[in-house]
Amino acid sequence: MIGRAATRGLIELKSVNPRNFTYDRNNKVDDTPFGGEPGMLIKAEPVALAVESLGWNKPKVILTDPAGRSFQQSDAIRLSAESELVFLCGHYEGIDDRAAEYLNAERFSIGDYILTSGELAAMVMADAIVRNLPGVLGDSNSLSADSHSDGLLSAPNYTKPETWRGIEVPPVLRSGNHREIIKWRRQQALRITLQNRPDLLAKAELSAEDVKLISSPDKT
């Protein structure tokens, strides 16, 4: 999706290496942290100079950080409205905190685990953001059917043939009864979210009908 968006001229991608903004012959970007903590930190100055070299006026800066708040679909939608986004990719023990403070960076984590560097996290977030831009997806209606678009996980989907290795597509999806299909999809989304991500269901705005659907018999 990112490649398609770039080819169509919907986005422009740039990369800047902080090593190009160092002052020593070894292009050293890291140093030991104050306080005796283990590991190495990327220094603030080369990071700030790298961002400033883009020539943008106060771009939105995102720092990949395990200590950041969890990146959500709502963040992807919000950030897709920004005209200029900069991803700071953390390495080693991270980046000198003064760089994030100076650049007013918003910190995000993509999960409760540690990656070797922040590039993968930046790519994940960039993909989630770019697909919300007009013209990127072939069918814009796909966005409203995505998991997390309404705070829930998506219902199962099926395509032809109707029977595959003895497993049939639920009859309700072949019934042509759109009201029942919508009801079935909502019920499945509620149940899958309850099973796999109960934390999402706890935050979702459920109607009285939703509560009934969770416990009512499955019409397949």
Protein backbone atom coordinates (compact mmCIF):
# COMPACT_ATOMS: atom_id res chain seq x y z
CA MET A 1 0.00 0.00 0.00
CA ILE A 2 2.80 2.41 0.84
CA GLY A 3 4.54 1.68 -2.48
CA ARG A 4 1.30 2.15 -4.39
CA ALA A 5 0.60 5.44 -2.64
CA ALA A 6 4.10 6.69 -3.44
CA THR A 7 3.82 5.64 -7.10
CA ARG A 8 0.53 7.49 -7.43
CA GLY A 9 2.03 10.61 -5.90
CA LEU A 10 -0.28 10.43 -2.88
CA ILE A 11 2.67 10.45 -0.48
CA GLU A 12 6.37 11.31 -0.65
CA LEU A 13 8.92 9.34 1.35
CA LYS A 14 12.25 10.62 2.63
CA SER A 15 14.88 9.11 4.87
CA VAL A 16 17.63 10.92 6.76
CA ASN A 17 20.57 9.29 8.56
CA PRO A 18 21.57 11.03 11.81
CA ARG A 19 25.15 9.85 11.19
CA ASN A 20 25.37 12.52 8.50
CA PHE A 21 25.03 15.15 11.22
CA THR A 22 27.85 14.19 13.56
CA TYR A 23 31.10 16.05 14.17
CA ASP A 24 33.64 13.28 14.69
CA ARG A 25 35.41 11.26 12.02
CA ASN A 26 33.71 8.03 13.10
CA ASN A 27 30.21 9.52 12.71
CA LYS A 28 29.39 8.45 16.25
CA VAL A 29 25.73 9.01 17.14
CA ASP A 30 25.58 7.26 20.51
CA ASP A 31 27.12 7.60 23.96
CA THR A 32 26.77 6.16 27.46
CA PRO A 33 23.78 7.38 29.51
CA PHE A 34 24.11 9.52 32.61
CA GLY A 35 23.34 7.70 35.86
CA GLY A 36 25.25 4.54 35.08
CA GLU A 37 22.50 2.71 33.20
CA PRO A 38 23.68 -0.06 30.84
CA GLY A 39 23.66 0.26 27.07
CA MET A 40 24.04 3.23 24.74
CA LEU A 41 21.80 6.17 23.86
CA ILE A 42 21.51 8.09 20.60
CA LYS A 43 22.55 11.69 21.17
CA ALA A 44 20.06 14.52 20.81
CA GLU A 45 21.98 16.82 18.46
CA PRO A 46 22.31 14.58 15.37
CA VAL A 47 18.65 13.61 15.71
CA ALA A 48 17.49 17.23 15.88
CA LEU A 49 19.74 18.23 12.97
CA ALA A 50 18.47 15.32 10.87
CA VAL A 51 14.85 16.38 11.40
CA GLU A 52 15.64 20.04 10.76
CA SER A 53 17.44 19.13 7.50
CA LEU A 54 14.07 18.20 6.01
CA GLY A 55 13.22 21.89 5.90
CA TRP A 56 9.68 21.35 7.14
CA ASN A 57 7.92 23.84 9.39
CA LYS A 58 7.05 22.11 12.68
CA PRO A 59 6.28 18.62 11.31
CA LYS A 60 4.43 16.08 13.44
CA VAL A 61 7.15 13.93 15.03
CA ILE A 62 6.55 10.36 16.22
CA LEU A 63 9.03 8.50 18.41
CA THR A 64 8.99 4.70 18.44
CA ASP A 65 9.31 3.96 22.14
CA PRO A 66 8.44 0.87 24.23
CA ALA A 67 7.46 3.33 26.98
CA GLY A 68 5.04 5.14 24.66
CA ARG A 69 1.32 4.62 24.67
CA SER A 70 -0.20 1.87 22.55
CA PHE A 71 -0.75 2.79 18.91
CA GLN A 72 -4.43 2.48 18.01
CA GLN A 73 -6.56 2.66 14.86
CA SER A 74 -7.88 6.00 16.08
CA ASP A 75 -4.30 7.30 16.08
CA ALA A 76 -3.79 6.07 12.51
CA ILE A 77 -6.90 7.92 11.37
CA ARG A 78 -5.92 11.10 13.23
CA LEU A 79 -2.35 11.10 11.95
CA SER A 80 -3.47 10.51 8.35
CA ALA A 81 -4.66 14.14 8.38
CA GLU A 82 -1.13 15.43 9.03
CA SER A 83 0.69 16.90 6.03
CA GLU A 84 4.17 16.04 7.32
CA LEU A 85 5.12 13.13 9.56
CA VAL A 86 8.56 12.28 10.90
CA PHE A 87 9.33 8.92 12.52
CA LEU A 88 12.24 8.85 14.97
CA CYS A 89 13.41 5.25 15.15
CA GLY A 90 14.96 4.37 18.47
CA HIS A 91 18.08 2.17 18.67
CA TYR A 92 20.05 0.68 21.56
CA GLU A 93 18.50 2.00 24.79
CA GLY A 94 16.68 4.72 22.86
CA ILE A 95 17.22 8.41 22.14
CA ASP A 96 18.32 11.16 24.54
CA ASP A 97 15.00 12.33 25.96
CA ARG A 98 15.83 15.95 25.26
CA ALA A 99 15.49 15.32 21.51
CA ALA A 100 11.90 14.12 21.97
CA GLU A 101 11.15 17.07 24.24
CA TYR A 102 12.69 19.62 21.87
CA LEU A 103 10.87 18.18 18.83
CA ASN A 104 7.60 17.75 20.76
CA ALA A 105 7.50 14.10 19.71
CA GLU A 106 4.49 11.88 20.35
CA ARG A 107 5.62 8.51 21.69
CA PHE A 108 4.06 5.26 20.51
CA SER A 109 4.57 1.55 21.13
CA ILE A 110 3.14 -1.16 18.86
CA GLY A 111 3.12 -3.84 21.54
CA ASP A 112 4.49 -5.12 24.81
CA TYR A 113 7.72 -6.51 23.46
CA ILE A 114 11.15 -5.16 22.50
CA LEU A 115 12.47 -4.83 18.94
CA THR A 116 16.13 -4.39 18.02
CA SER A 117 15.35 -1.00 16.49
CA GLY A 118 12.39 1.23 15.75
CA GLU A 119 12.27 0.89 11.95
CA LEU A 120 9.85 -2.04 12.02
CA ALA A 121 7.53 -0.20 14.40
CA ALA A 122 7.70 2.89 12.19
CA MET A 123 6.78 0.83 9.12
CA VAL A 124 3.81 -0.73 10.91
CA MET A 125 2.48 2.67 11.95
CA ALA A 126 3.17 4.21 8.54
CA ASP A 127 1.22 1.44 6.81
CA ALA A 128 -1.73 1.87 9.18
CA ILE A 129 -1.70 5.63 8.58
CA VAL A 130 -1.22 5.64 4.81
CA ARG A 131 -4.09 3.26 4.09
CA ASN A 132 -6.46 5.86 5.55
CA LEU A 133 -5.50 8.44 2.92
CA PRO A 134 -8.06 9.04 0.14
CA GLY A 135 -7.25 7.07 -2.99
CA VAL A 136 -4.86 4.58 -1.42
CA LEU A 137 -7.28 1.67 -1.10
CA GLY A 138 -9.08 0.42 -4.19
CA ASP A 139 -12.37 0.40 -2.28
CA SER A 140 -12.71 3.08 0.38
CA ASN A 141 -15.58 1.11 1.94
CA SER A 142 -12.98 -1.44 3.07
CA LEU A 143 -11.92 0.96 5.82
CA SER A 144 -15.30 0.81 7.54
CA ALA A 145 -15.19 -3.00 7.49
CA ASP A 146 -11.73 -3.29 9.05
CA SER A 147 -11.12 -4.67 12.49
CA HIS A 148 -11.00 -1.87 15.09
CA SER A 149 -12.94 0.51 12.83
CA ASP A 150 -15.81 0.43 15.34
CA GLY A 151 -13.79 -0.70 18.35
CA LEU A 152 -14.39 -4.41 17.70
CA LEU A 153 -12.63 -7.17 15.80
CA SER A 154 -14.07 -8.17 12.42
CA ALA A 155 -16.46 -11.05 11.77
CA PRO A 156 -15.16 -14.01 9.70
CA ASN A 157 -15.23 -13.61 5.92
CA TYR A 158 -15.68 -16.22 3.18
CA THR A 159 -15.51 -16.45 -0.61
CA LYS A 160 -16.20 -19.10 -3.28
CA PRO A 161 -16.56 -22.04 -3.33
CA GLU A 162 -19.49 -22.50 -0.94
CA THR A 163 -18.01 -25.77 0.32
CA TRP A 164 -14.25 -26.24 0.73
CA ARG A 165 -12.82 -29.52 2.08
CA GLY A 166 -16.09 -30.28 3.76
CA ILE A 167 -16.39 -26.85 5.43
CA GLU A 168 -19.39 -24.78 4.34
CA VAL A 169 -19.89 -21.03 4.26
CA PRO A 170 -22.50 -20.11 6.92
CA PRO A 171 -25.93 -20.31 5.24
CA VAL A 172 -26.95 -16.89 6.52
CA LEU A 173 -24.31 -15.30 4.27
CA ARG A 174 -25.90 -17.03 1.26
CA SER A 175 -29.47 -16.24 2.24
CA GLY A 176 -29.71 -12.83 0.58
CA ASN A 177 -31.35 -11.50 3.75
CA HIS A 178 -29.25 -8.40 4.34
CA ARG A 179 -30.81 -7.61 7.71
CA GLU A 180 -29.93 -11.07 9.03
CA ILE A 181 -26.44 -10.86 7.50
CA ILE A 182 -25.75 -7.55 9.26
CA LYS A 183 -27.06 -9.02 12.51
CA TRP A 184 -24.90 -12.15 12.12
CA ARG A 185 -21.76 -10.12 11.38
CA ARG A 186 -22.34 -7.96 14.43
CA GLN A 187 -22.87 -11.02 16.60
CA GLN A 188 -19.69 -12.68 15.35
CA ALA A 189 -17.67 -9.49 15.84
CA LEU A 190 -18.90 -9.22 19.41
CA ARG A 191 -18.13 -12.84 20.21
CA ILE A 192 -14.68 -12.84 18.60
CA THR A 193 -13.78 -9.65 20.43
CA LEU A 194 -15.00 -11.14 23.71
CA GLN A 195 -12.90 -14.25 23.13
CA ASN A 196 -9.70 -12.69 21.79
CA ARG A 197 -9.69 -9.10 23.05
CA PRO A 198 -12.04 -8.68 26.03
CA ASP A 199 -10.21 -5.44 26.83
CA LEU A 200 -11.64 -3.92 23.64
CA LEU A 201 -15.15 -5.10 24.43
CA ALA A 202 -14.91 -3.52 27.87
CA LYS A 203 -14.28 -0.13 26.22
CA ALA A 204 -16.81 -0.48 23.39
CA GLU A 205 -20.15 1.30 23.43
CA LEU A 206 -22.61 -1.60 23.42
CA SER A 207 -26.33 -1.32 22.91
CA ALA A 208 -28.94 -3.48 24.61
CA GLU A 209 -29.24 -5.37 21.32
CA ASP A 210 -25.50 -6.07 21.36
CA VAL A 211 -25.76 -7.62 24.81
CA LYS A 212 -28.56 -9.88 23.54
CA LEU A 213 -26.57 -10.87 20.48
CA ILE A 214 -23.60 -12.06 22.52
CA SER A 215 -25.69 -14.59 24.40
CA SER A 216 -28.33 -15.45 21.78
CA PRO A 217 -28.08 -18.62 19.62
CA ASP A 218 -25.84 -18.41 16.59
CA LYS A 219 -27.89 -18.27 13.38
CA THR A 220 -25.65 -19.86 10.80
